[in-house]
N, C-alpha and C. Protein backbone atom coordinates (compact mmCIF):
# COMPACT_ATOMS: atom_id res chain seq x y z
N MET A 1 117.40 120.30 82.65
CA MET A 1 118.75 120.11 83.12
C MET A 1 118.74 119.14 84.27
N SER A 2 119.78 118.51 84.39
CA SER A 2 119.99 117.59 85.49
C SER A 2 120.94 118.28 86.45
N TYR A 3 121.11 117.69 87.59
CA TYR A 3 122.13 118.18 88.51
C TYR A 3 123.39 117.38 88.30
N LYS A 4 124.51 117.93 88.72
CA LYS A 4 125.77 117.23 88.71
C LYS A 4 126.47 117.51 90.02
N ILE A 5 127.41 116.65 90.35
CA ILE A 5 128.19 116.81 91.57
C ILE A 5 129.59 117.25 91.17
N VAL A 6 130.04 118.34 91.73
CA VAL A 6 131.38 118.85 91.45
C VAL A 6 132.36 117.93 92.18
N ALA A 7 133.04 117.09 91.41
CA ALA A 7 133.90 116.05 91.99
C ALA A 7 134.97 116.61 92.91
N SER A 8 135.53 117.74 92.57
CA SER A 8 136.60 118.31 93.40
C SER A 8 136.11 118.79 94.76
N GLN A 9 134.80 118.95 94.92
CA GLN A 9 134.23 119.40 96.19
C GLN A 9 133.55 118.27 96.96
N CYS A 10 133.30 117.15 96.29
CA CYS A 10 132.60 116.04 96.93
C CYS A 10 133.50 115.40 97.98
N THR A 11 132.97 115.27 99.19
CA THR A 11 133.74 114.67 100.29
C THR A 11 133.53 113.16 100.37
N GLY A 12 132.62 112.64 99.55
CA GLY A 12 132.34 111.21 99.58
C GLY A 12 131.53 110.78 100.78
N CYS A 13 130.80 111.70 101.37
CA CYS A 13 130.06 111.41 102.60
C CYS A 13 128.86 110.49 102.38
N SER A 14 128.36 110.42 101.16
CA SER A 14 127.24 109.57 100.75
C SER A 14 125.86 110.04 101.23
N ALA A 15 125.75 111.25 101.74
CA ALA A 15 124.46 111.75 102.22
C ALA A 15 123.43 111.83 101.09
N CYS A 16 123.88 112.12 99.89
CA CYS A 16 122.97 112.33 98.77
C CYS A 16 122.39 111.04 98.20
N GLU A 17 123.18 109.99 98.16
CA GLU A 17 122.78 108.76 97.46
C GLU A 17 121.44 108.20 97.93
N PRO A 18 121.22 107.98 99.22
CA PRO A 18 119.93 107.40 99.63
C PRO A 18 118.75 108.37 99.52
N GLU A 19 119.02 109.65 99.38
CA GLU A 19 117.95 110.65 99.32
C GLU A 19 117.37 110.83 97.92
N CYS A 20 118.07 110.36 96.90
CA CYS A 20 117.62 110.56 95.52
C CYS A 20 116.43 109.65 95.21
N PRO A 21 115.27 110.23 94.88
CA PRO A 21 114.09 109.41 94.61
C PRO A 21 114.17 108.64 93.29
N ASN A 22 115.14 109.00 92.45
CA ASN A 22 115.27 108.36 91.14
C ASN A 22 116.44 107.39 91.04
N VAL A 23 117.14 107.18 92.15
CA VAL A 23 118.31 106.31 92.19
C VAL A 23 119.31 106.74 91.09
N ALA A 24 119.49 108.05 90.96
CA ALA A 24 120.36 108.62 89.94
C ALA A 24 121.78 108.86 90.43
N ILE A 25 122.01 108.68 91.72
CA ILE A 25 123.32 108.98 92.30
C ILE A 25 124.03 107.69 92.66
N THR A 26 125.26 107.57 92.18
CA THR A 26 126.09 106.40 92.48
C THR A 26 127.50 106.85 92.83
N GLU A 27 128.22 105.96 93.49
CA GLU A 27 129.60 106.24 93.87
C GLU A 27 130.55 105.71 92.80
N LYS A 28 131.57 106.50 92.49
CA LYS A 28 132.59 106.07 91.54
C LYS A 28 133.93 106.63 92.02
N ASN A 29 134.83 105.74 92.34
CA ASN A 29 136.19 106.11 92.78
C ASN A 29 136.19 107.07 93.97
N GLY A 30 135.31 106.86 94.92
CA GLY A 30 135.30 107.66 96.14
C GLY A 30 134.49 108.94 96.08
N THR A 31 133.98 109.31 94.90
CA THR A 31 133.09 110.47 94.81
C THR A 31 131.78 110.01 94.19
N PHE A 32 130.80 110.84 94.27
CA PHE A 32 129.47 110.48 93.79
C PHE A 32 129.17 111.22 92.49
N ILE A 33 128.42 110.55 91.62
CA ILE A 33 128.03 111.13 90.33
C ILE A 33 126.53 111.00 90.16
N ILE A 34 125.96 111.89 89.36
CA ILE A 34 124.54 111.87 89.06
C ILE A 34 124.36 111.48 87.60
N ASP A 35 123.54 110.47 87.36
CA ASP A 35 123.23 110.04 86.00
C ASP A 35 122.19 111.01 85.42
N PRO A 36 122.57 111.79 84.41
CA PRO A 36 121.63 112.78 83.87
C PRO A 36 120.40 112.16 83.21
N GLU A 37 120.51 110.89 82.83
CA GLU A 37 119.35 110.19 82.24
C GLU A 37 118.29 109.88 83.29
N LYS A 38 118.69 109.80 84.54
CA LYS A 38 117.77 109.46 85.62
C LYS A 38 117.34 110.68 86.44
N CYS A 39 118.14 111.74 86.45
CA CYS A 39 117.86 112.90 87.28
C CYS A 39 116.65 113.68 86.76
N THR A 40 115.68 113.90 87.63
CA THR A 40 114.50 114.70 87.29
C THR A 40 114.45 116.00 88.08
N GLU A 41 115.57 116.33 88.73
CA GLU A 41 115.66 117.52 89.57
C GLU A 41 114.67 117.45 90.73
N CYS A 42 114.21 116.24 91.04
CA CYS A 42 113.22 115.95 92.09
C CYS A 42 111.84 116.52 91.78
N ILE A 43 111.63 116.94 90.54
CA ILE A 43 110.31 117.45 90.14
C ILE A 43 109.28 116.33 90.31
N GLY A 44 108.19 116.65 90.97
CA GLY A 44 107.15 115.67 91.23
C GLY A 44 107.35 114.92 92.54
N TYR A 45 108.50 115.10 93.17
CA TYR A 45 108.79 114.45 94.45
C TYR A 45 108.95 115.47 95.57
N PHE A 46 109.82 116.47 95.33
CA PHE A 46 110.15 117.46 96.36
C PHE A 46 110.23 118.85 95.74
N ASP A 47 110.08 119.87 96.55
CA ASP A 47 110.22 121.24 96.08
C ASP A 47 111.68 121.63 95.85
N THR A 48 112.58 120.99 96.55
CA THR A 48 114.02 121.26 96.44
C THR A 48 114.72 119.96 96.09
N PRO A 49 115.66 119.99 95.14
CA PRO A 49 116.42 118.77 94.85
C PRO A 49 117.09 118.25 96.13
N GLN A 50 116.89 116.99 96.41
CA GLN A 50 117.35 116.42 97.67
C GLN A 50 118.87 116.35 97.78
N CYS A 51 119.56 116.20 96.67
CA CYS A 51 121.03 116.20 96.73
C CYS A 51 121.54 117.55 97.23
N VAL A 52 120.89 118.62 96.78
CA VAL A 52 121.27 119.96 97.22
C VAL A 52 120.92 120.14 98.69
N ALA A 53 119.75 119.66 99.08
CA ALA A 53 119.27 119.85 100.45
C ALA A 53 120.14 119.14 101.49
N VAL A 54 120.69 117.96 101.15
CA VAL A 54 121.43 117.20 102.16
C VAL A 54 122.95 117.33 102.06
N CYS A 55 123.46 117.87 100.97
CA CYS A 55 124.91 117.97 100.79
C CYS A 55 125.50 118.92 101.83
N PRO A 56 126.52 118.47 102.58
CA PRO A 56 127.11 119.34 103.60
C PRO A 56 128.05 120.42 103.04
N VAL A 57 128.37 120.35 101.75
CA VAL A 57 129.28 121.31 101.14
C VAL A 57 128.50 122.17 100.14
N ASP A 58 128.41 123.46 100.40
CA ASP A 58 127.67 124.37 99.52
C ASP A 58 128.19 124.32 98.09
N ASP A 59 127.27 124.44 97.15
CA ASP A 59 127.59 124.51 95.72
C ASP A 59 128.35 123.29 95.20
N THR A 60 128.06 122.12 95.76
CA THR A 60 128.65 120.88 95.25
C THR A 60 127.68 120.20 94.30
N CYS A 61 126.41 120.22 94.59
CA CYS A 61 125.38 119.71 93.69
C CYS A 61 124.81 120.92 92.96
N VAL A 62 125.11 120.99 91.67
CA VAL A 62 124.74 122.16 90.87
C VAL A 62 124.06 121.73 89.58
N ILE A 63 123.36 122.64 88.95
CA ILE A 63 122.70 122.36 87.68
C ILE A 63 123.76 122.15 86.60
N ASP A 64 123.56 121.10 85.81
CA ASP A 64 124.46 120.78 84.70
C ASP A 64 123.89 121.42 83.44
N ASN A 65 124.43 122.55 83.04
CA ASN A 65 123.93 123.28 81.88
C ASN A 65 124.19 122.57 80.56
N ALA A 66 124.97 121.50 80.57
CA ALA A 66 125.26 120.74 79.35
C ALA A 66 124.16 119.75 79.02
N VAL A 67 123.21 119.58 79.93
CA VAL A 67 122.13 118.62 79.75
C VAL A 67 120.81 119.38 79.62
N PRO A 68 119.95 119.00 78.66
CA PRO A 68 118.66 119.69 78.51
C PRO A 68 117.81 119.60 79.79
N ARG A 69 116.99 120.60 80.00
CA ARG A 69 116.12 120.66 81.17
C ARG A 69 115.17 119.46 81.18
N TYR A 70 114.91 118.91 82.35
CA TYR A 70 114.01 117.78 82.49
C TYR A 70 112.59 118.20 82.11
N GLN A 71 111.92 117.37 81.34
CA GLN A 71 110.54 117.61 80.94
C GLN A 71 109.67 116.49 81.51
N ALA A 72 108.79 116.84 82.42
CA ALA A 72 107.89 115.83 83.00
C ALA A 72 106.97 115.30 81.91
N ALA A 73 106.68 114.03 82.00
CA ALA A 73 105.81 113.37 80.99
C ALA A 73 104.38 113.80 81.11
């Protein structure tokens, strides 16, 4: 699974974008989105997904159950 950003809770602060090791987070219309094709849940980089760690609003960066779990190569 990848993470997703709950658009209705995103404040547009941009804290998450530079922290993503996969450059999976981009801004669109004032809120940020995570590209599920690029998101690895920070596996192999950090113990905690960095978008979750730096987001100032709880439960804004959440697991996207619509996307299959990331499988490391």
